[in-house]
């Protein structure tokens, strides 16, 4: 249901609430992988390229990436009402689940089987993150320059542990300029 005749598809606040509720209830290991799968593959509300553009903006804004993504996508399809609906879907039921799990972890968290389960889940979370990154790579242009920015960002934030905002603040203007120049 991607854009037709220059207009985004009509998606109701109810659709957004239900979609983001489903995303967060399935989001073991992080919401971004499941958001892409639901929004791009299942519902076809956005193309891969549109999703990556909105995700890039969501990651640059302060706050949780998943929350930012829900608000941006909700706003895109149904304005302020859509943003609040997507946000409510993203937060309401997961809040209840997290409170319940927090209570159970507090009561049973010292048990060895719980530690083993959490260790196993962290490996799955890393796998989901790698799977999502591999899917997002397909929208990068087949030129070497975007890969330079990917590598510099990874090295700066992931390896050298420089502050995220400093790395993005320095690299983003150059990346935006390079992308703009590549289109003109």
Foldseek 3Di string as FASTA:
>chain_A
DQDDPNAQDADDLVNLLVLLLVQQVPAQLHSPLSNCCSCCPNPNRYHLLVLVVQLVVLVLDPDDSVLSSQLVVLCRRPNNSRSVSNNCSNPPVVVVVVVVVVVVCVVCVVDPVNVVVVVVSNVVSVVSVVVVVVSSVVPDDPDCVVVVLVVQLCCQCVPVVHDNCVSCVVSVVVVVVVVVVVVD
